[in-house]
Protein backbone atom coordinates (compact mmCIF):
# COMPACT_ATOMS: atom_id res chain seq x y z
CA UNK A 1 31.17 -38.58 -45.53
CA UNK A 2 34.87 -39.44 -44.81
CA UNK A 3 37.20 -40.17 -47.67
CA UNK A 4 39.79 -42.82 -46.91
CA UNK A 5 43.00 -40.88 -47.39
CA UNK A 6 46.27 -43.18 -48.00
CA UNK A 7 49.14 -42.10 -45.78
CA UNK A 8 52.31 -40.40 -47.16
CA UNK A 9 54.56 -42.61 -45.23
CA UNK A 10 53.53 -45.71 -47.57
CA UNK A 11 53.91 -43.52 -50.63
CA UNK A 12 57.78 -42.50 -49.37
CA UNK A 13 58.82 -46.45 -49.25
CA UNK A 14 61.77 -46.96 -51.17
CA UNK A 15 62.81 -42.88 -50.98
CA UNK A 16 65.56 -42.55 -48.34
CA UNK A 17 64.53 -38.67 -47.15
CA UNK A 18 60.83 -38.80 -47.06
CA UNK A 19 60.17 -35.28 -48.71
CA UNK A 20 62.56 -33.63 -46.32
CA UNK A 21 65.08 -32.46 -49.20
CA UNK A 22 68.62 -33.28 -49.12
CA UNK A 23 69.40 -36.24 -46.74
CA UNK A 24 71.45 -33.82 -44.10
CA UNK A 25 68.67 -31.74 -43.78
CA UNK A 26 66.41 -33.09 -41.27
CA UNK A 27 68.57 -34.54 -38.83
CA UNK A 28 68.75 -33.85 -35.08
CA UNK A 29 71.15 -31.13 -33.30
CA UNK A 30 74.03 -32.92 -33.82
CA UNK A 31 74.39 -31.78 -37.61
CA UNK A 32 74.29 -28.02 -36.53
CA UNK A 33 76.76 -28.45 -33.58
CA UNK A 34 73.87 -28.13 -31.08
CA UNK A 35 70.91 -26.26 -30.30
CA UNK A 36 70.50 -22.66 -30.42
CA UNK A 37 73.78 -20.92 -29.72
CA UNK A 38 75.61 -24.10 -28.33
CA UNK A 39 78.96 -25.06 -30.16
CA UNK A 40 80.14 -21.20 -30.16
CA UNK A 41 83.02 -21.85 -27.78
CA UNK A 42 86.68 -20.81 -27.57
CA UNK A 43 87.90 -22.75 -30.49
CA UNK A 44 88.39 -21.00 -34.01
CA UNK A 45 86.28 -21.72 -36.76
CA UNK A 46 83.13 -22.79 -34.76
CA UNK A 47 80.77 -19.64 -35.65
CA UNK A 48 77.28 -20.68 -36.32
CA UNK A 49 76.11 -19.83 -40.09
CA UNK A 50 73.59 -16.91 -40.13
CA UNK A 51 73.61 -15.98 -36.38
CA UNK A 52 75.20 -12.60 -35.48
CA UNK A 53 78.00 -12.68 -33.05
CA UNK A 54 76.44 -12.24 -29.66
CA UNK A 55 78.81 -13.00 -27.23
CA UNK A 56 80.82 -10.32 -25.28
CA UNK A 57 79.83 -7.77 -27.79
CA UNK A 58 77.71 -5.46 -25.79
CA UNK A 59 79.35 -4.34 -22.88
CA UNK A 60 78.08 -4.11 -19.09
CA UNK A 61 76.64 -1.37 -17.19
CA UNK A 62 75.95 -1.90 -13.51
CA UNK A 63 72.44 -0.87 -12.61
CA UNK A 64 73.44 1.50 -9.98
CA UNK A 65 74.58 3.76 -12.93
CA UNK A 66 71.61 3.91 -15.04
CA UNK A 67 69.76 6.99 -14.33
CA UNK A 68 65.71 6.42 -14.02
CA UNK A 69 64.11 9.36 -15.09
CA UNK A 70 60.26 9.87 -15.61
CA UNK A 71 60.04 12.32 -18.30
CA UNK A 72 56.86 13.90 -19.88
CA UNK A 73 56.16 16.23 -22.49
CA UNK A 74 54.40 19.59 -23.37
CA UNK A 75 52.10 17.44 -25.47
CA UNK A 76 50.78 16.05 -22.27
CA UNK A 77 49.14 19.31 -21.33
CA UNK A 78 45.70 19.34 -23.37
CA UNK A 79 43.28 21.34 -22.08
CA UNK A 80 41.41 18.18 -20.99
CA UNK A 81 44.45 16.67 -19.14
CA UNK A 82 44.95 19.74 -17.40
CA UNK A 83 41.41 20.11 -16.12
CA UNK A 84 41.52 16.51 -14.95
CA UNK A 85 44.38 17.36 -12.89
CA UNK A 86 42.67 20.48 -11.58
CA UNK A 87 39.88 18.05 -10.36
CA UNK A 88 42.35 15.41 -9.03
CA UNK A 89 44.18 18.13 -6.79
CA UNK A 90 47.43 17.85 -8.78
CA UNK A 91 47.14 21.17 -9.93
CA UNK A 92 46.02 24.72 -8.70
CA UNK A 93 44.21 27.65 -10.43
CA UNK A 94 45.89 30.73 -9.79
CA UNK A 95 43.79 33.49 -11.44
CA UNK A 96 44.53 32.92 -15.26
CA UNK A 97 47.55 30.60 -14.76
CA UNK A 98 47.68 26.94 -13.92
CA UNK A 99 50.15 25.96 -11.47
CA UNK A 100 51.45 22.26 -11.97
CA UNK A 101 54.28 20.85 -9.79
CA UNK A 102 55.69 17.76 -11.86
CA UNK A 103 58.04 16.97 -9.23
CA UNK A 104 55.25 16.20 -6.66
CA UNK A 105 53.77 14.27 -9.63
CA UNK A 106 57.33 12.06 -9.92
CA UNK A 107 58.57 13.61 -13.22
CA UNK A 108 62.05 14.78 -13.02
CA UNK A 109 62.25 16.28 -16.66
CA UNK A 110 59.97 18.21 -19.27
CA UNK A 111 60.49 18.25 -22.93
CA UNK A 112 59.58 20.35 -25.81
CA UNK A 113 57.50 17.79 -28.24
CA UNK A 114 54.13 19.22 -28.98
CA UNK A 115 52.34 22.33 -28.40
CA UNK A 116 50.42 24.09 -25.58
CA UNK A 117 47.90 27.24 -25.51
CA UNK A 118 47.34 27.25 -21.89
CA UNK A 119 49.15 29.44 -19.46
CA UNK A 120 51.05 26.97 -17.35
CA UNK A 121 53.10 27.82 -14.30
CA UNK A 122 55.51 24.38 -14.10
CA UNK A 123 57.73 23.12 -11.47
CA UNK A 124 60.14 21.19 -12.47
CA UNK A 125 63.68 19.73 -11.70
CA UNK A 126 65.07 19.75 -15.41
CA UNK A 127 63.66 21.45 -18.44
CA UNK A 128 64.51 21.31 -22.05
CA UNK A 129 65.16 24.65 -23.61
CA UNK A 130 62.44 24.51 -25.84
CA UNK A 131 59.86 23.40 -23.55
CA UNK A 132 60.91 26.54 -21.89
CA UNK A 133 60.28 28.61 -24.93
CA UNK A 134 57.40 27.62 -25.57
CA UNK A 135 55.51 27.59 -22.17
CA UNK A 136 56.61 31.04 -22.07
CA UNK A 137 55.29 31.94 -25.57
CA UNK A 138 51.99 30.79 -24.49
CA UNK A 139 51.81 33.06 -21.50
CA UNK A 140 53.22 30.87 -18.71
CA UNK A 141 56.33 30.36 -16.75
CA UNK A 142 58.70 27.42 -15.89
CA UNK A 143 60.48 27.15 -12.50
CA UNK A 144 63.46 24.83 -13.09
CA UNK A 145 66.72 23.96 -11.61
CA UNK A 146 68.45 23.35 -14.75
CA UNK A 147 67.45 24.37 -18.24
CA UNK A 148 69.38 21.90 -20.54
CA UNK A 149 69.79 21.98 -24.44
């Protein structure tokens, strides 16, 4: 059963702000000096209340200087993932060692997060010191161009 509901606008007759709080609150963008960051121009004293200063504070880095490194960690080399790499032809069994060429897979760096129990022979462009230590402790070896801290 539909119940007749009286419109609120009729109840607000004679009240200037219609439930919107103070008279200033429900105005357009003019009371705020424009929408968003508008009005934060070059003249003094035009800061927006409650907004952080954004203009020019972050600097600029051209795209040609940003290094795009593809990084992986030791924790990726679980027995399941290594088996999948061998089946996919991206890793080769050499006796007890499993040889993985990370540069062929598109990785540029190996980091030492996680653990591995497998004997891996890894070839990579760059490797962290901890990653090399962990792989050698598990009985494997790392062929890296440079080992970083």
